[in-house]
Amino acid sequence: MLEKRTFDFVLVDDIYYKVDNSGRILYVSSSVKRVLGYDKEELIGLHLHELYVNPQNRAQNYKELDTSISNFTIEDLLKHKDGSHVFMSTNAHFVKDKAGNIIGIEGISRDITREYELKKRLSHNEKTYKAIFENSPSGIIYHDSKGVIIEANKAALNIFGVTKEQFIGFDLLRETSNEELKQAIDKSLKGGKSHFKGLYVSILAKKRMYLEVSFQAIKDEDENVIFIVASVDDQTATEKALKKLRKSKEDWKSIIDNMQNIFLQTDKDGNIIKVSPSVKDVAGYEMDEILGKMYLLCGLLQMTYNISENNI
């Protein structure tokens, strides 16, 4: 092993230390000043657990160590002199005398606070993503780079009327007969964004539905497509309602176009915005002459009333 004094100029961001069996610090490199803010003379003679944010962790960690192993790694929070916390990763080993008895521990510790904070943020992001994924009212589907489904949330399973076991591994690109949907999937697999809206017939559930799907390719740093995220919304109920509305409008238009009396619709200022074709037969006006005008309104209403009276 290198002489202890060597560590004083070799180590910059790492700390070399040595403790006896009780945990009392026998030696620590001067790099401790840069990492934890202490002069090394302040720490000589202190017990190592005094630097731990949670001293019980230190005792538990070392208690559980297998004394037969040559090296071990421990990660924990240590106290900086300014009161802040520093997350350290320590690689160490037991020091033994000539008879093989353990007389202490020596090792090197490194500040991994940035990595620790990043892991915490990633963990938080993963939990947030998982909550969004699982509870989203929209269906979310992952396809691999060949178009095979590799993951789907509960909403997606409900939309397609399938179980997860049925859905995972399903090749939507190969199995679907809808050419527009195929083109949208194929475009996303080539790295682009794509969109599909239309009728889809589920092969697995034998179910017809109107879907709106947005595809987004996820790429690696080399711009290779890793997988595809698809957001799926079931528009079946909306499409049925629109179909009924269109039918209702068509029926209403047919009634207006074929009625004998005059039908009028005005805006809030009394301007005529809609009039039935019967206005020509009843009043002698072309529809274009009436629309947008107000001064004829009273006369037309009177005429309509009189006609209605005569028809009774």
C-alpha atoms as a PDB file:
ATOM      1  CA  MET A   1       0.000   0.000   0.000  1.00  0.00           C
ATOM      2  CA  LEU A   2       1.102   3.567  -0.627  1.00  0.00           C
ATOM      3  CA  GLU A   3       2.475   5.528   2.281  1.00  0.00           C
ATOM      4  CA  LYS A   4      -0.191   7.616   4.005  1.00  0.00           C
ATOM      5  CA  ARG A   5       1.551  10.873   3.188  1.00  0.00           C
ATOM      6  CA  THR A   6       1.243  10.024  -0.500  1.00  0.00           C
ATOM      7  CA  PHE A   7      -2.544  10.440  -0.263  1.00  0.00           C
ATOM      8  CA  ASP A   8      -2.157  14.062   0.810  1.00  0.00           C
ATOM      9  CA  PHE A   9      -1.185  15.120  -2.694  1.00  0.00           C
ATOM     10  CA  VAL A  10      -2.570  12.236  -4.778  1.00  0.00           C
ATOM     11  CA  LEU A  11      -6.203  12.552  -3.566  1.00  0.00           C
ATOM     12  CA  VAL A  12      -8.213  15.635  -4.431  1.00  0.00           C
ATOM     13  CA  ASP A  13     -11.886  14.671  -4.472  1.00  0.00           C
ATOM     14  CA  ASP A  14     -11.527  11.370  -2.606  1.00  0.00           C
ATOM     15  CA  ILE A  15     -10.765  10.875   1.091  1.00  0.00           C
ATOM     16  CA  TYR A  16      -8.448   8.193   2.437  1.00  0.00           C
ATOM     17  CA  TYR A  17      -9.116   7.226   6.060  1.00  0.00           C
ATOM     18  CA  LYS A  18      -8.188   4.626   8.611  1.00  0.00           C
ATOM     19  CA  VAL A  19     -10.021   3.739  11.829  1.00  0.00           C
ATOM     20  CA  ASP A  20      -9.425   1.234  14.634  1.00  0.00           C
ATOM     21  CA  ASN A  21     -11.895  -1.417  15.735  1.00  0.00           C
ATOM     22  CA  SER A  22     -13.871   1.052  17.814  1.00  0.00           C
ATOM     23  CA  GLY A  23     -14.283   3.392  14.840  1.00  0.00           C
ATOM     24  CA  ARG A  24     -11.837   6.006  16.157  1.00  0.00           C
ATOM     25  CA  ILE A  25     -10.162   7.890  13.302  1.00  0.00           C
ATOM     26  CA  LEU A  26      -6.437   7.178  13.181  1.00  0.00           C
ATOM     27  CA  TYR A  27      -5.704   8.930   9.931  1.00  0.00           C
ATOM     28  CA  VAL A  28      -7.510  10.939   7.250  1.00  0.00           C
ATOM     29  CA  SER A  29      -6.117  12.607   4.144  1.00  0.00           C
ATOM     30  CA  SER A  30      -6.041  16.387   3.841  1.00  0.00           C
ATOM     31  CA  SER A  31      -8.536  16.146   0.952  1.00  0.00           C
ATOM     32  CA  VAL A  32     -11.207  15.920   3.661  1.00  0.00           C
ATOM     33  CA  LYS A  33     -11.005  19.722   3.827  1.00  0.00           C
ATOM     34  CA  ARG A  34     -12.206  20.059   0.232  1.00  0.00           C
ATOM     35  CA  VAL A  35     -14.939  17.433   0.529  1.00  0.00           C
ATOM     36  CA  LEU A  36     -16.282  17.871   4.082  1.00  0.00           C
ATOM     37  CA  GLY A  37     -14.810  21.203   5.166  1.00  0.00           C
ATOM     38  CA  TYR A  38     -12.760  19.902   8.104  1.00  0.00           C
ATOM     39  CA  ASP A  39      -9.029  20.192   8.667  1.00  0.00           C
ATOM     40  CA  LYS A  40      -7.720  16.679   9.072  1.00  0.00           C
ATOM     41  CA  GLU A  41      -6.339  17.537  12.516  1.00  0.00           C
ATOM     42  CA  GLU A  42      -9.917  18.199  13.700  1.00  0.00           C
ATOM     43  CA  LEU A  43     -10.939  14.649  12.907  1.00  0.00           C
ATOM     44  CA  ILE A  44      -8.028  12.610  14.277  1.00  0.00           C
ATOM     45  CA  GLY A  45      -9.247  10.853  17.420  1.00  0.00           C
ATOM     46  CA  LEU A  46     -12.964  11.370  16.708  1.00  0.00           C
ATOM     47  CA  HIS A  47     -15.227   8.394  16.249  1.00  0.00           C
ATOM     48  CA  LEU A  48     -16.348   7.963  12.652  1.00  0.00           C
ATOM     49  CA  HIS A  49     -20.017   7.684  13.618  1.00  0.00           C
ATOM     50  CA  GLU A  50     -19.884  11.352  14.727  1.00  0.00           C
ATOM     51  CA  LEU A  51     -19.653  12.322  11.041  1.00  0.00           C
ATOM     52  CA  TYR A  52     -22.716  10.312  10.076  1.00  0.00           C
ATOM     53  CA  VAL A  53     -26.075  12.075   9.696  1.00  0.00           C
ATOM     54  CA  ASN A  54     -27.649   8.886  11.047  1.00  0.00           C
ATOM     55  CA  PRO A  55     -25.030   7.290  13.363  1.00  0.00           C
ATOM     56  CA  GLN A  56     -27.123   4.133  13.768  1.00  0.00           C
ATOM     57  CA  ASN A  57     -26.692   3.457  10.055  1.00  0.00           C
ATOM     58  CA  ARG A  58     -22.921   3.281  10.460  1.00  0.00           C
ATOM     59  CA  ALA A  59     -23.171   0.793  13.305  1.00  0.00           C
ATOM     60  CA  GLN A  60     -25.695  -1.348  11.426  1.00  0.00           C
ATOM     61  CA  ASN A  61     -23.725  -1.269   8.162  1.00  0.00           C
ATOM     62  CA  TYR A  62     -20.517  -2.470   9.742  1.00  0.00           C
ATOM     63  CA  LYS A  63     -22.298  -4.995  11.954  1.00  0.00           C
ATOM     64  CA  GLU A  64     -23.715  -6.720   8.879  1.00  0.00           C
ATOM     65  CA  LEU A  65     -20.374  -6.911   7.058  1.00  0.00           C
ATOM     66  CA  ASP A  66     -18.914 -10.300   6.281  1.00  0.00           C
ATOM     67  CA  THR A  67     -15.393 -10.200   7.748  1.00  0.00           C
ATOM     68  CA  SER A  68     -14.214 -12.807   5.251  1.00  0.00           C
ATOM     69  CA  ILE A  69     -14.672 -10.551   2.215  1.00  0.00           C
ATOM     70  CA  SER A  70     -11.712  -8.578   0.947  1.00  0.00           C
ATOM     71  CA  ASN A  71     -13.515  -5.343  -0.001  1.00  0.00           C
ATOM     72  CA  PHE A  72     -16.910  -3.773   0.634  1.00  0.00           C
ATOM     73  CA  THR A  73     -18.807  -0.654  -0.406  1.00  0.00           C
ATOM     74  CA  ILE A  74     -21.056   1.461   1.811  1.00  0.00           C
ATOM     75  CA  GLU A  75     -23.078   4.534   0.826  1.00  0.00           C
ATOM     76  CA  ASP A  76     -24.462   6.999   3.373  1.00  0.00           C
ATOM     77  CA  LEU A  77     -24.920  10.670   4.306  1.00  0.00           C
ATOM     78  CA  LEU A  78     -22.103  12.446   6.179  1.00  0.00           C
ATOM     79  CA  LYS A  79     -22.108  15.852   7.844  1.00  0.00           C
ATOM     80  CA  HIS A  80     -20.257  18.733   6.218  1.00  0.00           C
ATOM     81  CA  LYS A  81     -18.694  21.242   8.599  1.00  0.00           C
ATOM     82  CA  ASP A  82     -21.127  23.912   7.362  1.00  0.00           C
ATOM     83  CA  GLY A  83     -24.089  21.761   8.426  1.00  0.00           C
ATOM     84  CA  SER A  84     -25.027  20.488   4.987  1.00  0.00           C
ATOM     85  CA  HIS A  85     -25.118  16.814   4.079  1.00  0.00           C
ATOM     86  CA  VAL A  86     -22.780  15.035   1.693  1.00  0.00           C
ATOM     87  CA  PHE A  87     -23.621  11.633   0.239  1.00  0.00           C
ATOM     88  CA  MET A  88     -20.474   9.506   0.276  1.00  0.00           C
ATOM     89  CA  SER A  89     -19.624   6.186  -1.320  1.00  0.00           C
ATOM     90  CA  THR A  90     -16.917   4.309   0.562  1.00  0.00           C
ATOM     91  CA  ASN A  91     -14.827   1.425  -0.732  1.00  0.00           C
ATOM     92  CA  ALA A  92     -12.948  -0.163   2.154  1.00  0.00           C
ATOM     93  CA  HIS A  93     -11.462  -3.323   3.617  1.00  0.00           C
ATOM     94  CA  PHE A  94     -10.565  -4.745   7.005  1.00  0.00           C
ATOM     95  CA  VAL A  95      -7.026  -4.225   8.300  1.00  0.00           C
ATOM     96  CA  LYS A  96      -5.543  -7.298   9.978  1.00  0.00           C
ATOM     97  CA  ASP A  97      -2.463  -7.945  12.057  1.00  0.00           C
ATOM     98  CA  LYS A  98       0.062 -10.662  11.306  1.00  0.00           C
ATOM     99  CA  ALA A  99      -2.055 -13.198  13.156  1.00  0.00           C
ATOM    100  CA  GLY A 100      -5.047 -12.421  10.950  1.00  0.00           C
ATOM    101  CA  ASN A 101      -6.986 -10.531  13.599  1.00  0.00           C
ATOM    102  CA  ILE A 102      -9.001  -7.529  12.468  1.00  0.00           C
ATOM    103  CA  ILE A 103      -7.548  -4.362  13.973  1.00  0.00           C
ATOM    104  CA  GLY A 104      -9.388  -1.730  11.943  1.00  0.00           C
ATOM    105  CA  ILE A 105     -10.728  -0.548   8.628  1.00  0.00           C
ATOM    106  CA  GLU A 106      -9.224   1.602   5.913  1.00  0.00           C
ATOM    107  CA  GLY A 107     -10.757   2.858   2.738  1.00  0.00           C
ATOM    108  CA  ILE A 108     -11.406   5.643   0.280  1.00  0.00           C
ATOM    109  CA  SER A 109     -14.594   7.724   0.254  1.00  0.00           C
ATOM    110  CA  ARG A 110     -15.940   9.732  -2.659  1.00  0.00           C
ATOM    111  CA  ASP A 111     -18.550  12.480  -2.767  1.00  0.00           C
ATOM    112  CA  ILE A 112     -21.435  11.228  -4.947  1.00  0.00           C
ATOM    113  CA  THR A 113     -23.986  13.812  -3.850  1.00  0.00           C
ATOM    114  CA  ARG A 114     -24.753  14.901  -7.427  1.00  0.00           C
ATOM    115  CA  GLU A 115     -25.370  11.308  -8.489  1.00  0.00           C
ATOM    116  CA  TYR A 116     -27.451  10.727  -5.355  1.00  0.00           C
ATOM    117  CA  GLU A 117     -29.640  13.793  -6.013  1.00  0.00           C
ATOM    118  CA  LEU A 118     -30.003  12.776  -9.651  1.00  0.00           C
ATOM    119  CA  LYS A 119     -31.121   9.284  -8.625  1.00  0.00           C
ATOM    120  CA  LYS A 120     -33.652  10.812  -6.235  1.00  0.00           C
ATOM    121  CA  ARG A 121     -35.022  13.057  -8.975  1.00  0.00           C
ATOM    122  CA  LEU A 122     -35.147  10.149 -11.405  1.00  0.00           C
ATOM    123  CA  SER A 123     -36.943   8.052  -8.807  1.00  0.00           C
ATOM    124  CA  HIS A 124     -39.426  10.873  -8.250  1.00  0.00           C
ATOM    125  CA  ASN A 125     -39.900  11.280 -12.000  1.00  0.00           C
ATOM    126  CA  GLU A 126     -40.438   7.543 -12.404  1.00  0.00           C
ATOM    127  CA  LYS A 127     -43.086   7.542  -9.664  1.00  0.00           C
ATOM    128  CA  THR A 128     -44.771  10.570 -11.224  1.00  0.00           C
ATOM    129  CA  TYR A 129     -44.674   8.984 -14.679  1.00  0.00           C
ATOM    130  CA  LYS A 130     -46.027   5.700 -13.304  1.00  0.00           C
ATOM    131  CA  ALA A 131     -48.938   7.507 -11.646  1.00  0.00           C
ATOM    132  CA  ILE A 132     -49.721   9.385 -14.881  1.00  0.00           C
ATOM    133  CA  PHE A 133     -49.360   6.219 -16.977  1.00  0.00           C
ATOM    134  CA  GLU A 134     -51.606   4.124 -14.737  1.00  0.00           C
ATOM    135  CA  ASN A 135     -54.277   6.763 -14.089  1.00  0.00           C
ATOM    136  CA  SER A 136     -54.464   8.536 -17.443  1.00  0.00           C
ATOM    137  CA  PRO A 137     -58.012   8.601 -18.887  1.00  0.00           C
ATOM    138  CA  SER A 138     -56.405   8.217 -22.314  1.00  0.00           C
ATOM    139  CA  GLY A 139     -54.992   4.906 -23.398  1.00  0.00           C
ATOM    140  CA  ILE A 140     -51.182   4.810 -23.514  1.00  0.00           C
ATOM    141  CA  ILE A 141     -49.420   2.134 -25.525  1.00  0.00           C
ATOM    142  CA  TYR A 142     -45.719   1.416 -26.081  1.00  0.00           C
ATOM    143  CA  HIS A 143     -44.604  -0.249 -29.314  1.00  0.00           C
ATOM    144  CA  ASP A 144     -41.105  -1.507 -29.916  1.00  0.00           C
ATOM    145  CA  SER A 145     -39.151  -0.458 -33.006  1.00  0.00           C
ATOM    146  CA  LYS A 146     -40.948  -3.135 -35.051  1.00  0.00           C
ATOM    147  CA  GLY A 147     -44.473  -2.122 -34.038  1.00  0.00           C
ATOM    148  CA  VAL A 148     -45.048  -4.866 -31.467  1.00  0.00           C
ATOM    149  CA  ILE A 149     -46.878  -3.751 -28.302  1.00  0.00           C
ATOM    150  CA  ILE A 150     -44.645  -3.972 -25.219  1.00  0.00           C
ATOM    151  CA  GLU A 151     -46.714  -2.071 -22.632  1.00  0.00           C
ATOM    152  CA  ALA A 152     -50.198  -0.633 -22.181  1.00  0.00           C
ATOM    153  CA  ASN A 153     -52.089   1.056 -19.371  1.00  0.00           C
ATOM    154  CA  LYS A 154     -55.503   0.083 -18.005  1.00  0.00           C
ATOM    155  CA  ALA A 155     -57.339   2.689 -20.097  1.00  0.00           C
ATOM    156  CA  ALA A 156     -55.851   1.237 -23.313  1.00  0.00           C
ATOM    157  CA  LEU A 157     -56.892  -2.290 -22.320  1.00  0.00           C
ATOM    158  CA  ASN A 158     -60.432  -1.079 -21.634  1.00  0.00           C
ATOM    159  CA  ILE A 159     -60.623   0.764 -24.963  1.00  0.00           C
ATOM    160  CA  PHE A 160     -59.510  -2.284 -26.953  1.00  0.00           C
ATOM    161  CA  GLY A 161     -61.497  -4.703 -24.768  1.00  0.00           C
ATOM    162  CA  VAL A 162     -58.547  -6.999 -24.086  1.00  0.00           C
ATOM    163  CA  THR A 163     -56.463  -8.326 -21.213  1.00  0.00           C
ATOM    164  CA  LYS A 164     -52.834  -7.359 -20.762  1.00  0.00           C
ATOM    165  CA  GLU A 165     -51.786 -10.915 -21.575  1.00  0.00           C
ATOM    166  CA  GLN A 166     -53.634 -10.695 -24.912  1.00  0.00           C
ATOM    167  CA  PHE A 167     -52.281  -7.265 -25.773  1.00  0.00           C
ATOM    168  CA  ILE A 168     -48.565  -7.516 -24.946  1.00  0.00           C
ATOM    169  CA  GLY A 169     -46.757  -8.958 -27.943  1.00  0.00           C
ATOM    170  CA  PHE A 170     -49.557  -8.077 -30.363  1.00  0.00           C
ATOM    171  CA  ASP A 171     -48.227  -6.825 -33.711  1.00  0.00           C
ATOM    172  CA  LEU A 172     -50.654  -4.006 -34.527  1.00  0.00           C
ATOM    173  CA  LEU A 173     -48.814  -3.053 -37.718  1.00  0.00           C
ATOM    174  CA  ARG A 174     -49.046  -6.548 -39.182  1.00  0.00           C
ATOM    175  CA  GLU A 175     -52.494  -7.482 -37.888  1.00  0.00           C
ATOM    176  CA  THR A 176     -54.512  -4.372 -38.734  1.00  0.00           C
ATOM    177  CA  SER A 177     -56.204  -4.104 -42.100  1.00  0.00           C
ATOM    178  CA  ASN A 178     -56.725  -0.337 -41.812  1.00  0.00           C
ATOM    179  CA  GLU A 179     -54.312   1.231 -44.299  1.00  0.00           C
ATOM    180  CA  GLU A 180     -54.452   4.707 -42.730  1.00  0.00           C
ATOM    181  CA  LEU A 181     -53.546   3.254 -39.337  1.00  0.00           C
ATOM    182  CA  LYS A 182     -50.724   1.245 -40.896  1.00  0.00           C
ATOM    183  CA  GLN A 183     -49.339   4.377 -42.522  1.00  0.00           C
ATOM    184  CA  ALA A 184     -49.452   6.278 -39.221  1.00  0.00           C
ATOM    185  CA  ILE A 185     -47.601   3.484 -37.383  1.00  0.00           C
ATOM    186  CA  ASP A 186     -45.063   3.141 -40.189  1.00  0.00           C
ATOM    187  CA  LYS A 187     -44.379   6.888 -40.166  1.00  0.00           C
ATOM    188  CA  SER A 188     -43.719   6.858 -36.412  1.00  0.00           C
ATOM    189  CA  LEU A 189     -41.401   3.857 -36.757  1.00  0.00           C
ATOM    190  CA  LYS A 190     -39.341   5.940 -39.187  1.00  0.00           C
ATOM    191  CA  GLY A 191     -38.876   8.568 -36.495  1.00  0.00           C
ATOM    192  CA  GLY A 192     -41.705  10.986 -37.095  1.00  0.00           C
ATOM    193  CA  LYS A 193     -44.909  12.045 -35.399  1.00  0.00           C
ATOM    194  CA  SER A 194     -48.152  10.737 -36.833  1.00  0.00           C
ATOM    195  CA  HIS A 195     -51.882  10.810 -36.238  1.00  0.00           C
ATOM    196  CA  PHE A 196     -54.795   8.514 -36.974  1.00  0.00           C
ATOM    197  CA  LYS A 197     -58.517   9.139 -36.635  1.00  0.00           C
ATOM    198  CA  GLY A 198     -61.077   6.711 -37.920  1.00  0.00           C
ATOM    199  CA  LEU A 199     -62.804   3.361 -37.648  1.00  0.00           C
ATOM    200  CA  TYR A 200     -60.820   0.479 -36.165  1.00  0.00           C
ATOM    201  CA  VAL A 201     -61.980  -3.107 -35.808  1.00  0.00           C
ATOM    202  CA  SER A 202     -60.288  -4.954 -32.956  1.00  0.00           C
ATOM    203  CA  ILE A 203     -59.139  -8.370 -34.090  1.00  0.00           C
ATOM    204  CA  LEU A 204     -58.706  -9.581 -30.528  1.00  0.00           C
ATOM    205  CA  ALA A 205     -62.069  -8.384 -29.149  1.00  0.00           C
ATOM    206  CA  LYS A 206     -64.094  -8.344 -32.404  1.00  0.00           C
ATOM    207  CA  LYS A 207     -65.061  -4.787 -31.531  1.00  0.00           C
ATOM    208  CA  ARG A 208     -65.714  -1.806 -33.823  1.00  0.00           C
ATOM    209  CA  MET A 209     -64.639   1.595 -32.539  1.00  0.00           C
ATOM    210  CA  TYR A 210     -63.716   5.074 -33.676  1.00  0.00           C
ATOM    211  CA  LEU A 211     -60.225   5.893 -32.425  1.00  0.00           C
ATOM    212  CA  GLU A 212     -58.040   8.977 -32.337  1.00  0.00           C
ATOM    213  CA  VAL A 213     -54.373   8.008 -31.938  1.00  0.00           C
ATOM    214  CA  SER A 214     -51.222  10.130 -31.743  1.00  0.00           C
ATOM    215  CA  PHE A 215     -47.882   8.383 -32.281  1.00  0.00           C
ATOM    216  CA  GLN A 216     -44.520   9.739 -31.092  1.00  0.00           C
ATOM    217  CA  ALA A 217     -41.137   8.102 -31.715  1.00  0.00           C
ATOM    218  CA  ILE A 218     -38.664   8.033 -28.806  1.00  0.00           C
ATOM    219  CA  LYS A 219     -35.042   8.031 -29.973  1.00  0.00           C
ATOM    220  CA  ASP A 220     -31.629   7.419 -28.438  1.00  0.00           C
ATOM    221  CA  GLU A 221     -28.730   9.878 -28.645  1.00  0.00           C
ATOM    222  CA  ASP A 222     -27.839   8.494 -32.086  1.00  0.00           C
ATOM    223  CA  GLU A 223     -31.354   9.255 -33.370  1.00  0.00           C
ATOM    224  CA  ASN A 224     -32.287   5.575 -33.555  1.00  0.00           C
ATOM    225  CA  VAL A 225     -35.909   4.796 -32.704  1.00  0.00           C
ATOM    226  CA  ILE A 226     -36.084   2.928 -29.381  1.00  0.00           C
ATOM    227  CA  PHE A 227     -39.843   2.667 -29.039  1.00  0.00           C
ATOM    228  CA  ILE A 228     -43.100   4.409 -29.920  1.00  0.00           C
ATOM    229  CA  VAL A 229     -45.544   6.011 -27.503  1.00  0.00           C
ATOM    230  CA  ALA A 230     -49.148   6.059 -28.680  1.00  0.00           C
ATOM    231  CA  SER A 231     -51.899   8.040 -26.985  1.00  0.00           C
ATOM    232  CA  VAL A 232     -55.322   6.555 -27.713  1.00  0.00           C
ATOM    233  CA  ASP A 233     -58.774   8.078 -27.219  1.00  0.00           C
ATOM    234  CA  ASP A 234     -62.016   6.227 -27.905  1.00  0.00           C
ATOM    235  CA  GLN A 235     -64.214   8.558 -29.952  1.00  0.00           C
ATOM    236  CA  THR A 236     -66.973   5.978 -30.535  1.00  0.00           C
ATOM    237  CA  ALA A 237     -69.583   7.665 -28.314  1.00  0.00           C
ATOM    238  CA  THR A 238     -68.724  11.080 -29.754  1.00  0.00           C
ATOM    239  CA  GLU A 239     -68.910   9.779 -33.317  1.00  0.00           C
ATOM    240  CA  LYS A 240     -72.304   8.187 -32.650  1.00  0.00           C
ATOM    241  CA  ALA A 241     -73.600  11.431 -31.125  1.00  0.00           C
ATOM    242  CA  LEU A 242     -72.311  13.418 -34.130  1.00  0.00           C
ATOM    243  CA  LYS A 243     -73.932  10.932 -36.481  1.00  0.00           C
ATOM    244  CA  LYS A 244     -77.272  11.380 -34.696  1.00  0.00           C
ATOM    245  CA  LEU A 245     -76.817  15.143 -34.794  1.00  0.00           C
ATOM    246  CA  ARG A 246     -76.076  15.089 -38.512  1.00  0.00           C
ATOM    247  CA  LYS A 247     -79.142  12.906 -39.083  1.00  0.00           C
ATOM    248  CA  SER A 248     -81.228  15.266 -36.953  1.00  0.00           C
ATOM    249  CA  LYS A 249     -79.998  18.271 -38.954  1.00  0.00           C
ATOM    250  CA  GLU A 250     -80.760  16.475 -42.208  1.00  0.00           C
ATOM    251  CA  ASP A 251     -84.281  15.636 -40.992  1.00  0.00           C
ATOM    252  CA  TRP A 252     -84.862  19.184 -39.793  1.00  0.00           C
ATOM    253  CA  LYS A 253     -83.562  20.619 -43.074  1.00  0.00           C
ATOM    254  CA  SER A 254     -85.920  18.328 -44.989  1.00  0.00           C
ATOM    255  CA  ILE A 255     -88.854  19.558 -42.893  1.00  0.00           C
ATOM    256  CA  ILE A 256     -87.931  23.223 -43.451  1.00  0.00           C
ATOM    257  CA  ASP A 257     -87.289  22.767 -47.163  1.00  0.00           C
ATOM    258  CA  ASN A 258     -90.672  21.122 -47.699  1.00  0.00           C
ATOM    259  CA  MET A 259     -92.889  23.125 -45.380  1.00  0.00           C
ATOM    260  CA  GLN A 260     -95.653  25.281 -46.920  1.00  0.00           C
ATOM    261  CA  ASN A 261     -95.441  28.094 -44.376  1.00  0.00           C
ATOM    262  CA  ILE A 262     -92.445  30.391 -44.030  1.00  0.00           C
ATOM    263  CA  PHE A 263     -89.762  29.437 -41.504  1.00  0.00           C
ATOM    264  CA  LEU A 264     -87.590  32.297 -40.222  1.00  0.00           C
ATOM    265  CA  GLN A 265     -84.534  32.429 -37.971  1.00  0.00           C
ATOM    266  CA  THR A 266     -83.061  35.752 -36.840  1.00  0.00           C
ATOM    267  CA  ASP A 267     -80.043  36.884 -34.881  1.00  0.00           C
ATOM    268  CA  LYS A 268     -80.321  38.898 -31.660  1.00  0.00           C
ATOM    269  CA  ASP A 269     -80.689  42.145 -33.663  1.00  0.00           C
ATOM    270  CA  GLY A 270     -83.619  40.858 -35.674  1.00  0.00           C
ATOM    271  CA  ASN A 271     -81.692  40.279 -38.884  1.00  0.00           C
ATOM    272  CA  ILE A 272     -82.872  37.269 -40.879  1.00  0.00           C
ATOM    273  CA  ILE A 273     -80.157  34.590 -40.964  1.00  0.00           C
ATOM    274  CA  LYS A 274     -82.212  31.637 -42.237  1.00  0.00           C
ATOM    275  CA  VAL A 275     -85.430  31.352 -44.242  1.00  0.00           C
ATOM    276  CA  SER A 276     -87.244  28.428 -45.790  1.00  0.00           C
ATOM    277  CA  PRO A 277     -87.492  28.076 -49.622  1.00  0.00           C
ATOM    278  CA  SER A 278     -91.275  28.467 -49.261  1.00  0.00           C
ATOM    279  CA  VAL A 279     -90.702  32.248 -48.973  1.00  0.00           C
ATOM    280  CA  LYS A 280     -90.671  32.419 -52.783  1.00  0.00           C
ATOM    281  CA  ASP A 281     -94.045  30.708 -53.196  1.00  0.00           C
ATOM    282  CA  VAL A 282     -95.686  32.513 -50.285  1.00  0.00           C
ATOM    283  CA  ALA A 283     -94.180  35.996 -50.477  1.00  0.00           C
ATOM    284  CA  GLY A 284     -92.559  36.109 -53.910  1.00  0.00           C
ATOM    285  CA  TYR A 285     -89.031  36.755 -52.584  1.00  0.00           C
ATOM    286  CA  GLU A 286     -85.865  34.873 -53.458  1.00  0.00           C
ATOM    287  CA  MET A 287     -84.030  33.607 -50.382  1.00  0.00           C
ATOM    288  CA  ASP A 288     -80.996  35.792 -51.162  1.00  0.00           C
ATOM    289  CA  GLU A 289     -83.204  38.892 -51.069  1.00  0.00           C
ATOM    290  CA  ILE A 290     -84.354  38.146 -47.518  1.00  0.00           C
ATOM    291  CA  LEU A 291     -81.173  37.009 -45.779  1.00  0.00           C
ATOM    292  CA  GLY A 292     -79.452  39.684 -43.694  1.00  0.00           C
ATOM    293  CA  LYS A 293     -82.377  42.100 -43.873  1.00  0.00           C
ATOM    294  CA  MET A 294     -84.704  43.205 -41.106  1.00  0.00           C
ATOM    295  CA  TYR A 295     -87.236  45.628 -42.577  1.00  0.00           C
ATOM    296  CA  LEU A 296     -89.277  42.819 -44.120  1.00  0.00           C
ATOM    297  CA  LEU A 297     -89.531  40.845 -40.904  1.00  0.00           C
ATOM    298  CA  CYS A 298     -92.893  42.186 -39.693  1.00  0.00           C
ATOM    299  CA  GLY A 299     -94.525  41.783 -43.061  1.00  0.00           C
ATOM    300  CA  LEU A 300     -93.317  38.210 -43.389  1.00  0.00           C
ATOM    301  CA  LEU A 301     -94.454  37.314 -39.920  1.00  0.00           C
ATOM    302  CA  GLN A 302     -97.914  38.797 -40.638  1.00  0.00           C
ATOM    303  CA  MET A 303     -98.013  36.939 -43.924  1.00  0.00           C
ATOM    304  CA  THR A 304     -97.066  33.706 -42.211  1.00  0.00           C
ATOM    305  CA  TYR A 305     -99.734  34.295 -39.588  1.00  0.00           C
ATOM    306  CA  ASN A 306    -102.388  34.982 -42.201  1.00  0.00           C
ATOM    307  CA  ILE A 307    -101.464  31.904 -44.184  1.00  0.00           C
ATOM    308  CA  SER A 308    -101.587  29.827 -41.033  1.00  0.00           C
ATOM    309  CA  GLU A 309    -105.017  31.298 -40.251  1.00  0.00           C
ATOM    310  CA  ASN A 310    -106.271  30.406 -43.720  1.00  0.00           C
ATOM    311  CA  ASN A 311    -104.965  26.849 -43.400  1.00  0.00           C
ATOM    312  CA  ILE A 312    -106.874  26.181 -40.192  1.00  0.00           C
END
